[in-house]
Amino acid sequence: MDGDKRSSKKNPKGTMTVQEAGRKGGLKTAETHGKEFYEEIGHKGGQRVKELIEEGKKAKAQSAEKQ
């Protein structure tokens, strides 16, 4: 299958794989935004996970009360 775009090898027509595109985009983001950007979005993600855990605990407690 010469035209299979799922191949990990670069297409001879010059297109790139999804993995290559992701890496290129990540490098460009790091170049334009810097370390602080990643620290900020990491913190936001961690806070969101903390909120979701708390919501899950509350839902579990409410479910246990109903039984």
C-alpha atoms as a PDB file:
ATOM      1  CA  MET A   1       0.000   0.000   0.000  1.00  0.00           C
ATOM      2  CA  ASP A   2       2.076   2.909  -1.236  1.00  0.00           C
ATOM      3  CA  GLY A   3      -0.594   5.516  -0.492  1.00  0.00           C
ATOM      4  CA  ASP A   4      -1.245   4.437   3.098  1.00  0.00           C
ATOM      5  CA  LYS A   5      -0.969   7.630   5.201  1.00  0.00           C
ATOM      6  CA  ARG A   6      -0.866   5.642   8.450  1.00  0.00           C
ATOM      7  CA  SER A   7       2.674   4.594   7.709  1.00  0.00           C
ATOM      8  CA  SER A   8       5.317   5.918  10.085  1.00  0.00           C
ATOM      9  CA  LYS A   9       7.619   6.665   7.161  1.00  0.00           C
ATOM     10  CA  LYS A  10       7.517  10.049   5.486  1.00  0.00           C
ATOM     11  CA  ASN A  11       5.405  10.168   2.355  1.00  0.00           C
ATOM     12  CA  PRO A  12       7.563  10.817  -0.716  1.00  0.00           C
ATOM     13  CA  LYS A  13       5.217  13.671  -1.719  1.00  0.00           C
ATOM     14  CA  GLY A  14       6.508  15.760   1.180  1.00  0.00           C
ATOM     15  CA  THR A  15       3.601  15.356   3.577  1.00  0.00           C
ATOM     16  CA  MET A  16       4.312  14.495   7.201  1.00  0.00           C
ATOM     17  CA  THR A  17       2.893  11.980   9.632  1.00  0.00           C
ATOM     18  CA  VAL A  18       0.633  12.975  12.508  1.00  0.00           C
ATOM     19  CA  GLN A  19       3.519  12.272  14.892  1.00  0.00           C
ATOM     20  CA  GLU A  20       5.830  14.584  12.952  1.00  0.00           C
ATOM     21  CA  ALA A  21       3.192  17.321  12.841  1.00  0.00           C
ATOM     22  CA  GLY A  22       2.600  17.052  16.591  1.00  0.00           C
ATOM     23  CA  ARG A  23       6.300  17.277  17.353  1.00  0.00           C
ATOM     24  CA  LYS A  24       6.736  20.262  15.054  1.00  0.00           C
ATOM     25  CA  GLY A  25       3.753  22.021  16.654  1.00  0.00           C
ATOM     26  CA  GLY A  26       5.008  21.292  20.150  1.00  0.00           C
ATOM     27  CA  LEU A  27       8.448  22.658  19.383  1.00  0.00           C
ATOM     28  CA  LYS A  28       6.954  25.816  17.889  1.00  0.00           C
ATOM     29  CA  THR A  29       4.699  26.303  20.925  1.00  0.00           C
ATOM     30  CA  ALA A  30       7.677  25.893  23.250  1.00  0.00           C
ATOM     31  CA  GLU A  31       9.634  28.394  21.180  1.00  0.00           C
ATOM     32  CA  THR A  32       6.891  31.037  21.164  1.00  0.00           C
ATOM     33  CA  HIS A  33       5.448  30.632  24.686  1.00  0.00           C
ATOM     34  CA  GLY A  34       8.324  29.490  26.861  1.00  0.00           C
ATOM     35  CA  LYS A  35       8.572  27.599  30.139  1.00  0.00           C
ATOM     36  CA  GLU A  36       6.070  29.750  32.045  1.00  0.00           C
ATOM     37  CA  PHE A  37       3.299  28.822  29.598  1.00  0.00           C
ATOM     38  CA  TYR A  38       3.782  25.123  30.285  1.00  0.00           C
ATOM     39  CA  GLU A  39       3.940  25.718  34.039  1.00  0.00           C
ATOM     40  CA  GLU A  40       0.670  27.659  33.922  1.00  0.00           C
ATOM     41  CA  ILE A  41      -1.261  25.137  31.836  1.00  0.00           C
ATOM     42  CA  GLY A  42       0.142  22.299  33.958  1.00  0.00           C
ATOM     43  CA  HIS A  43      -1.096  24.023  37.102  1.00  0.00           C
ATOM     44  CA  LYS A  44      -4.532  24.617  35.569  1.00  0.00           C
ATOM     45  CA  GLY A  45      -4.747  20.962  34.561  1.00  0.00           C
ATOM     46  CA  GLY A  46      -3.749  19.828  38.033  1.00  0.00           C
ATOM     47  CA  GLN A  47      -6.386  22.054  39.630  1.00  0.00           C
ATOM     48  CA  ARG A  48      -9.031  20.665  37.306  1.00  0.00           C
ATOM     49  CA  VAL A  49      -8.080  17.090  38.180  1.00  0.00           C
ATOM     50  CA  LYS A  50      -8.315  17.996  41.865  1.00  0.00           C
ATOM     51  CA  GLU A  51     -11.827  19.415  41.295  1.00  0.00           C
ATOM     52  CA  LEU A  52     -12.928  16.293  39.425  1.00  0.00           C
ATOM     53  CA  ILE A  53     -11.670  14.042  42.214  1.00  0.00           C
ATOM     54  CA  GLU A  54     -13.618  16.063  44.783  1.00  0.00           C
ATOM     55  CA  GLU A  55     -16.760  15.910  42.622  1.00  0.00           C
ATOM     56  CA  GLY A  56     -16.353  12.145  42.335  1.00  0.00           C
ATOM     57  CA  LYS A  57     -16.007  11.778  46.106  1.00  0.00           C
ATOM     58  CA  LYS A  58     -19.146  13.855  46.667  1.00  0.00           C
ATOM     59  CA  ALA A  59     -21.105  11.840  44.122  1.00  0.00           C
ATOM     60  CA  LYS A  60     -19.954   8.587  45.695  1.00  0.00           C
ATOM     61  CA  ALA A  61     -20.952   9.810  49.172  1.00  0.00           C
ATOM     62  CA  GLN A  62     -24.391  10.900  47.920  1.00  0.00           C
ATOM     63  CA  SER A  63     -24.870   7.537  46.219  1.00  0.00           C
ATOM     64  CA  ALA A  64     -23.968   5.722  49.428  1.00  0.00           C
ATOM     65  CA  GLU A  65     -26.467   7.856  51.396  1.00  0.00           C
ATOM     66  CA  LYS A  66     -29.303   6.901  49.051  1.00  0.00           C
ATOM     67  CA  GLN A  67     -28.715   3.184  49.519  1.00  0.00           C
END
